[in-house]
Amino acid sequence: MIKDYPSLANLRFSTRQETFWANETKILARVDGLRGAGFRVVFRDRVTGKELSVKQVAKIQDKINASLGIKGGTNFETFEKFRKALDDKIGSQYVPTPADDPAIALAGIPIGKIQDCQQVIQSCKDARDILVLRAMGQKMKSSGKIGFGRQRLDEKHFVLALAASTGSLKNTWANFDVAKIIHQAAKENDVRFFKGLGRKLSKKGKRLGTDLNRCDDLACFLVDFWICSPDKLPDFPPLCFFTDEALADWCDFALTPESDGGHFDAVRKCRQRLKLENAKTPLIKSVTKDANGAIHLGSKVDK
C-alpha cells in the first residue's frame, strides 16, 4: 500500500533512544517472523531426479520458449505445447516444511510480550485487508457471508462492485454463488439493489477494479509503518509504539509538514477504523519540532 511520503531527514533522536526502540522492534520482528508449518515446491529433473534451483528452472523455460518461438504473449495452443514440453523435462512435488519451534525462536521473550506482539501484528494484517477491500470498492459487514481474511463482506455490495469493475456477473474472485445473492435480493423485493445493478452493468468506458486512490494517505501511512518487516529494521520506530497523541503529531510532520497540527481526533479515528492495536507499553510519548525544523521523539529513556 506504500505511496510516496515526504522524507523525514530532519528526524533527530539520541543513540540511547535508538537502542531502546530498536531492541523492542527486533522482538516484534522475531515474533512476526515465526513460521508455521507449510509446504515448499521442489523441482526435479525428469531424467536424473536431481533437485533444480529456481535459476535452473528459468533457463529450461527460456530454452523451451526459444524453441517454440515465444517472445511475448501466446495463444492457448502454443501455451499447451509449452506446458507439455516443460512437464517432459521437469517434475514438481510439495514438500512439507516444519513450523519454527517457539521455545527456540522466541527464547528469552516473556510470554506476555509475545502475546502483545501477536495482537499488534494480527491487527496490522487485518488493517491491510481492510485497505485492500477499500481499494477494491468493497464494503464490510459483520454478518456478511463472504470472507476475506478475517473480514466479512456485504454480499449485495460485493455483486455491485463486481458488476462495476468487470461489467459482468462472472465471479472468479471468491467462491460464492452470485445467483443466490441476486435471488435473495429478488425475494426481498430490493428495488434499490436492482437499479444499482442495472446502472453498473450498463456503464460504458474504463472500469476500475482495484484503485489505491480509494485509500487516503493517512490510512496507507499507518498500515505501511505500523510494524516492520521481519528482515528489515526501519529508520524510525514502528507506529504501534506511539501513543495516540504522539502518533497524531508524527503524522502531521510526515504527511502535512506545513500543518499547524490539531489532527488528533482524525488520526485516532482512522486507527480505530482500521482496527490497529497499539503496543501495551508505548515507547514514544511525544513528537516535537524545534525552531530549526528538526523533529524530536520523546520517550521514557530521556530522563
Protein backbone atom coordinates (compact mmCIF):
# COMPACT_ATOMS: atom_id res chain seq x y z
CA MET A 1 0.00 0.00 0.00
CA ILE A 2 3.05 2.29 0.18
CA LYS A 3 2.68 5.65 -1.56
CA ASP A 4 5.23 8.47 -1.89
CA TYR A 5 5.76 10.01 1.51
CA PRO A 6 7.89 13.07 2.37
CA SER A 7 11.43 12.46 3.61
CA LEU A 8 11.97 12.50 7.35
CA ALA A 9 15.58 13.66 7.05
CA ASN A 10 15.05 16.14 9.88
CA LEU A 11 14.32 13.38 12.40
CA ARG A 12 16.54 13.55 15.49
CA PHE A 13 16.95 11.06 18.33
CA SER A 14 19.76 10.03 20.66
CA THR A 15 21.78 6.82 20.43
CA ARG A 16 20.22 5.77 23.72
CA GLN A 17 16.74 6.27 22.29
CA GLU A 18 17.59 4.37 19.11
CA THR A 19 18.99 1.42 21.08
CA PHE A 20 15.84 1.40 23.23
CA TRP A 21 13.27 1.27 20.41
CA ALA A 22 15.48 -0.87 18.13
CA ASN A 23 15.58 -3.63 20.75
CA GLU A 24 11.80 -3.58 21.09
CA THR A 25 11.43 -3.56 17.30
CA LYS A 26 13.68 -6.63 17.00
CA ILE A 27 11.43 -8.50 19.44
CA LEU A 28 8.39 -7.54 17.35
CA ALA A 29 10.19 -8.73 14.20
CA ARG A 30 11.13 -12.06 15.82
CA VAL A 31 7.52 -12.76 16.70
CA ASP A 32 6.33 -11.66 13.25
CA GLY A 33 8.93 -13.91 11.59
CA LEU A 34 7.78 -17.05 13.40
CA ARG A 35 6.78 -19.51 10.70
CA GLY A 36 4.02 -22.06 10.95
CA ALA A 37 4.03 -25.45 9.25
CA GLY A 38 3.66 -25.27 5.49
CA PHE A 39 4.92 -26.58 2.16
CA ARG A 40 7.54 -25.69 -0.41
CA VAL A 41 7.68 -26.71 -4.06
CA VAL A 42 10.66 -28.83 -5.13
CA PHE A 43 11.51 -29.06 -8.85
CA ARG A 44 13.39 -32.13 -10.13
CA ASP A 45 14.94 -33.15 -13.44
CA ARG A 46 12.78 -35.87 -15.00
CA VAL A 47 15.85 -37.84 -16.18
CA THR A 48 18.34 -37.55 -13.31
CA GLY A 49 15.92 -36.89 -10.45
CA LYS A 50 18.18 -34.11 -9.15
CA GLU A 51 16.62 -31.10 -7.48
CA LEU A 52 16.68 -27.96 -9.64
CA SER A 53 17.20 -24.40 -8.45
CA VAL A 54 14.90 -21.57 -9.49
CA LYS A 55 17.60 -20.31 -11.88
CA GLN A 56 17.94 -23.74 -13.48
CA VAL A 57 14.17 -23.95 -13.98
CA ALA A 58 14.18 -20.46 -15.54
CA LYS A 59 16.92 -21.49 -18.02
CA ILE A 60 14.91 -24.54 -19.08
CA GLN A 61 11.82 -22.36 -19.57
CA ASP A 62 13.84 -19.90 -21.69
CA LYS A 63 15.09 -22.73 -23.92
CA ILE A 64 11.56 -24.03 -24.44
CA ASN A 65 10.32 -20.51 -25.23
CA ALA A 66 13.10 -20.13 -27.80
CA SER A 67 12.35 -23.48 -29.42
CA LEU A 68 8.66 -22.58 -29.75
CA GLY A 69 9.36 -19.04 -30.89
CA ILE A 70 7.61 -17.49 -27.88
CA LYS A 71 8.72 -13.87 -27.34
CA GLY A 72 5.73 -12.25 -25.67
CA GLY A 73 2.09 -13.20 -25.47
CA THR A 74 0.91 -16.54 -26.71
CA ASN A 75 -2.29 -18.33 -27.68
CA PHE A 76 -3.80 -21.33 -25.95
CA GLU A 77 -2.40 -23.86 -28.43
CA THR A 78 1.18 -22.61 -28.05
CA PHE A 79 0.83 -22.45 -24.28
CA GLU A 80 -0.26 -26.10 -24.21
CA LYS A 81 2.87 -27.04 -26.23
CA PHE A 82 5.00 -25.08 -23.75
CA ARG A 83 3.32 -26.73 -20.75
CA LYS A 84 3.80 -30.24 -22.19
CA ALA A 85 7.47 -29.59 -23.11
CA LEU A 86 8.12 -28.26 -19.60
CA ASP A 87 6.36 -31.22 -17.98
CA ASP A 88 8.54 -33.60 -20.03
CA LYS A 89 11.69 -32.08 -18.53
CA ILE A 90 10.69 -31.01 -15.01
CA GLY A 91 8.70 -32.70 -12.27
CA SER A 92 7.47 -30.97 -9.13
CA GLN A 93 6.30 -32.01 -5.68
CA TYR A 94 5.16 -30.34 -2.47
CA VAL A 95 7.46 -30.97 0.47
CA PRO A 96 6.19 -30.18 3.99
CA THR A 97 8.19 -27.66 5.99
CA PRO A 98 8.10 -27.88 9.80
CA ALA A 99 6.96 -25.00 11.95
CA ASP A 100 9.52 -22.98 13.88
CA ASP A 101 9.88 -24.07 17.49
CA PRO A 102 8.69 -21.09 19.58
CA ALA A 103 10.79 -22.26 22.51
CA ILE A 104 13.90 -21.72 20.36
CA ALA A 105 12.84 -18.87 18.03
CA LEU A 106 11.36 -16.76 20.84
CA ALA A 107 13.68 -17.80 23.67
CA GLY A 108 14.14 -15.09 26.28
CA ILE A 109 10.96 -13.15 25.40
CA PRO A 110 8.34 -13.08 28.20
CA ILE A 111 5.05 -14.74 27.27
CA GLY A 112 3.13 -11.53 27.93
CA LYS A 113 5.35 -9.64 25.49
CA ILE A 114 4.86 -12.36 22.84
CA GLN A 115 1.08 -12.18 23.20
CA ASP A 116 1.14 -8.39 22.96
CA CYS A 117 3.28 -8.56 19.78
CA GLN A 118 0.98 -11.17 18.24
CA GLN A 119 -2.04 -8.96 18.86
CA VAL A 120 -0.34 -5.94 17.28
CA ILE A 121 0.84 -7.99 14.27
CA GLN A 122 -2.60 -9.53 13.67
CA SER A 123 -4.24 -6.11 13.86
CA CYS A 124 -1.86 -4.86 11.15
CA LYS A 125 -2.70 -7.82 8.91
CA ASP A 126 -6.41 -7.13 9.42
CA ALA A 127 -5.88 -3.44 8.63
CA ARG A 128 -4.06 -4.31 5.42
CA ASP A 129 -7.02 -6.49 4.39
CA ILE A 130 -9.37 -3.61 5.16
CA LEU A 131 -7.34 -1.30 2.90
CA VAL A 132 -7.27 -3.89 0.11
CA LEU A 133 -11.04 -4.22 0.33
CA ARG A 134 -11.42 -0.44 0.34
CA ALA A 135 -9.21 -0.21 -2.77
CA MET A 136 -11.41 -2.85 -4.42
CA GLY A 137 -14.52 -0.81 -3.68
CA GLN A 138 -15.87 -3.43 -1.28
CA LYS A 139 -17.97 -2.81 1.84
CA MET A 140 -17.60 -4.72 5.09
CA LYS A 141 -20.48 -6.15 7.09
CA SER A 142 -20.09 -8.11 10.34
CA SER A 143 -22.87 -10.53 9.33
CA GLY A 144 -21.70 -10.81 5.72
CA LYS A 145 -21.48 -14.26 4.14
CA ILE A 146 -18.35 -13.62 2.08
CA GLY A 147 -14.99 -13.84 3.84
CA PHE A 148 -11.72 -12.08 3.07
CA GLY A 149 -9.11 -12.93 5.70
CA ARG A 150 -10.88 -12.22 8.98
CA GLN A 151 -13.16 -9.59 7.40
CA ARG A 152 -16.73 -10.18 6.25
CA LEU A 153 -18.20 -8.52 3.17
CA ASP A 154 -21.63 -7.15 2.36
CA GLU A 155 -22.73 -9.68 -0.27
CA LYS A 156 -25.02 -7.30 -2.17
CA HIS A 157 -22.35 -4.65 -2.35
CA PHE A 158 -19.94 -7.38 -3.48
CA VAL A 159 -22.17 -8.09 -6.51
CA LEU A 160 -22.47 -4.36 -7.30
CA ALA A 161 -18.68 -3.89 -7.06
CA LEU A 162 -18.15 -6.97 -9.26
CA ALA A 163 -20.50 -5.56 -11.89
CA ALA A 164 -18.84 -2.13 -11.68
CA SER A 165 -15.30 -3.47 -12.14
CA THR A 166 -15.90 -6.20 -14.73
CA GLY A 167 -19.16 -5.29 -16.47
CA SER A 168 -20.44 -8.82 -15.86
CA LEU A 169 -21.55 -11.14 -13.07
CA LYS A 170 -18.91 -13.80 -13.66
CA ASN A 171 -17.37 -14.35 -10.24
CA THR A 172 -13.75 -15.55 -10.18
CA TRP A 173 -12.69 -13.56 -7.10
CA ALA A 174 -14.44 -15.56 -4.39
CA ASN A 175 -16.00 -18.99 -4.14
CA PHE A 176 -19.53 -17.68 -3.75
CA ASP A 177 -22.70 -18.12 -5.77
CA VAL A 178 -23.64 -14.71 -7.18
CA ALA A 179 -27.01 -16.09 -8.39
CA LYS A 180 -28.00 -16.82 -4.77
CA ILE A 181 -27.36 -13.20 -3.78
CA ILE A 182 -29.48 -11.92 -6.67
CA HIS A 183 -32.22 -14.45 -5.91
CA GLN A 184 -32.30 -13.33 -2.26
CA ALA A 185 -32.49 -9.67 -3.33
CA ALA A 186 -35.44 -10.56 -5.56
CA LYS A 187 -37.21 -12.32 -2.67
CA GLU A 188 -36.70 -9.17 -0.56
CA ASN A 189 -38.00 -7.00 -3.43
CA ASP A 190 -34.84 -4.88 -3.14
CA VAL A 191 -35.57 -2.37 -5.91
CA ARG A 192 -32.61 -0.18 -4.99
CA PHE A 193 -30.21 -3.09 -5.47
CA PHE A 194 -31.52 -3.95 -8.94
CA LYS A 195 -31.47 -0.31 -10.06
CA GLY A 196 -27.84 -0.06 -8.97
CA LEU A 197 -27.00 -3.34 -10.67
CA GLY A 198 -28.52 -2.17 -13.95
CA ARG A 199 -26.58 1.11 -13.86
CA LYS A 200 -23.26 -0.62 -13.20
CA LEU A 201 -23.74 -3.29 -15.87
CA SER A 202 -24.69 -0.69 -18.49
CA LYS A 203 -21.80 1.64 -17.66
CA LYS A 204 -19.51 2.41 -20.59
CA GLY A 205 -15.85 3.34 -20.61
CA LYS A 206 -12.96 2.33 -18.34
CA ARG A 207 -13.86 0.24 -15.32
CA LEU A 208 -11.78 0.37 -12.15
CA GLY A 209 -11.18 -2.82 -10.18
CA THR A 210 -8.56 -2.14 -7.52
CA ASP A 211 -7.83 1.58 -7.15
CA LEU A 212 -5.38 2.72 -4.47
CA ASN A 213 -6.78 6.24 -4.71
CA ARG A 214 -9.80 4.99 -2.76
CA CYS A 215 -7.44 4.77 0.25
CA ASP A 216 -6.35 8.06 1.79
CA ASP A 217 -2.69 8.81 2.54
CA LEU A 218 -3.15 8.67 6.31
CA ALA A 219 -4.64 5.16 6.29
CA CYS A 220 -1.89 3.87 3.96
CA PHE A 221 0.82 5.54 6.07
CA LEU A 222 -0.45 3.91 9.28
CA VAL A 223 -0.65 0.42 7.75
CA ASP A 224 2.70 0.67 5.93
CA PHE A 225 4.64 1.60 9.06
CA TRP A 226 2.60 0.08 11.91
CA ILE A 227 5.08 -2.76 12.28
CA CYS A 228 8.32 -3.52 10.45
CA SER A 229 9.39 -6.26 8.09
CA PRO A 230 10.97 -9.23 9.94
CA ASP A 231 14.10 -8.92 7.79
CA LYS A 232 14.49 -5.14 7.78
CA LEU A 233 14.52 -2.68 10.68
CA PRO A 234 13.04 0.74 9.91
CA ASP A 235 14.77 4.12 10.25
CA PHE A 236 12.26 5.18 12.88
CA PRO A 237 10.12 3.37 15.48
CA PRO A 238 7.16 1.33 14.20
CA LEU A 239 3.97 3.35 14.70
CA CYS A 240 2.49 0.75 17.05
CA PHE A 241 4.90 2.06 19.70
CA PHE A 242 3.49 5.63 19.63
CA THR A 243 0.80 6.95 21.95
CA ASP A 244 -2.21 8.38 20.10
CA GLU A 245 -1.05 11.91 20.92
CA ALA A 246 2.49 11.31 19.64
CA LEU A 247 1.13 9.46 16.60
CA ALA A 248 -1.06 12.43 15.63
CA ASP A 249 1.91 14.82 15.79
CA TRP A 250 4.12 12.35 13.90
CA CYS A 251 1.57 12.00 11.09
CA ASP A 252 1.27 15.79 10.88
CA PHE A 253 5.02 16.17 10.40
CA ALA A 254 5.31 13.22 7.99
CA LEU A 255 2.27 13.85 5.79
CA THR A 256 1.48 17.56 6.20
CA PRO A 257 4.75 19.27 7.22
CA GLU A 258 3.21 22.73 6.74
CA SER A 259 0.27 21.90 9.02
CA ASP A 260 -0.31 23.58 12.37
CA GLY A 261 -1.35 20.23 13.86
CA GLY A 262 -4.65 19.63 15.61
CA HIS A 263 -5.42 16.35 13.84
CA PHE A 264 -5.54 14.14 16.95
CA ASP A 265 -9.18 13.07 16.51
CA ALA A 266 -8.74 12.34 12.78
CA VAL A 267 -5.69 10.14 13.35
CA ARG A 268 -7.24 8.28 16.28
CA LYS A 269 -10.48 7.61 14.38
CA CYS A 270 -8.53 6.40 11.33
CA ARG A 271 -6.54 3.98 13.53
CA GLN A 272 -9.74 2.72 15.14
CA ARG A 273 -11.50 2.22 11.80
CA LEU A 274 -8.53 0.16 10.61
CA LYS A 275 -8.65 -1.80 13.91
CA LEU A 276 -4.95 -1.16 14.53
CA GLU A 277 -3.83 -2.07 18.05
CA ASN A 278 -1.15 -0.09 19.91
CA ALA A 279 1.55 -1.91 21.84
CA LYS A 280 0.53 -2.12 25.51
CA THR A 281 3.73 -0.32 26.54
CA PRO A 282 4.17 2.78 24.35
CA LEU A 283 7.77 3.80 23.67
CA ILE A 284 7.23 7.18 22.02
CA LYS A 285 5.19 9.58 24.13
CA SER A 286 5.80 12.88 22.37
CA VAL A 287 6.88 14.26 18.99
CA THR A 288 8.02 17.88 18.74
CA LYS A 289 9.61 20.16 16.16
CA ASP A 290 12.16 22.82 17.13
CA ALA A 291 12.79 26.24 15.58
CA ASN A 292 15.22 24.70 13.07
CA GLY A 293 12.67 22.21 11.81
CA ALA A 294 14.26 19.18 13.49
CA ILE A 295 11.80 16.55 14.74
CA HIS A 296 12.45 15.10 18.21
CA LEU A 297 11.00 11.93 19.66
CA GLY A 298 10.27 11.86 23.39
CA SER A 299 10.39 8.56 25.28
CA LYS A 300 10.72 7.25 28.83
CA VAL A 301 14.50 6.84 28.46
CA ASP A 302 15.02 10.59 28.10
CA LYS A 303 15.29 11.19 31.84
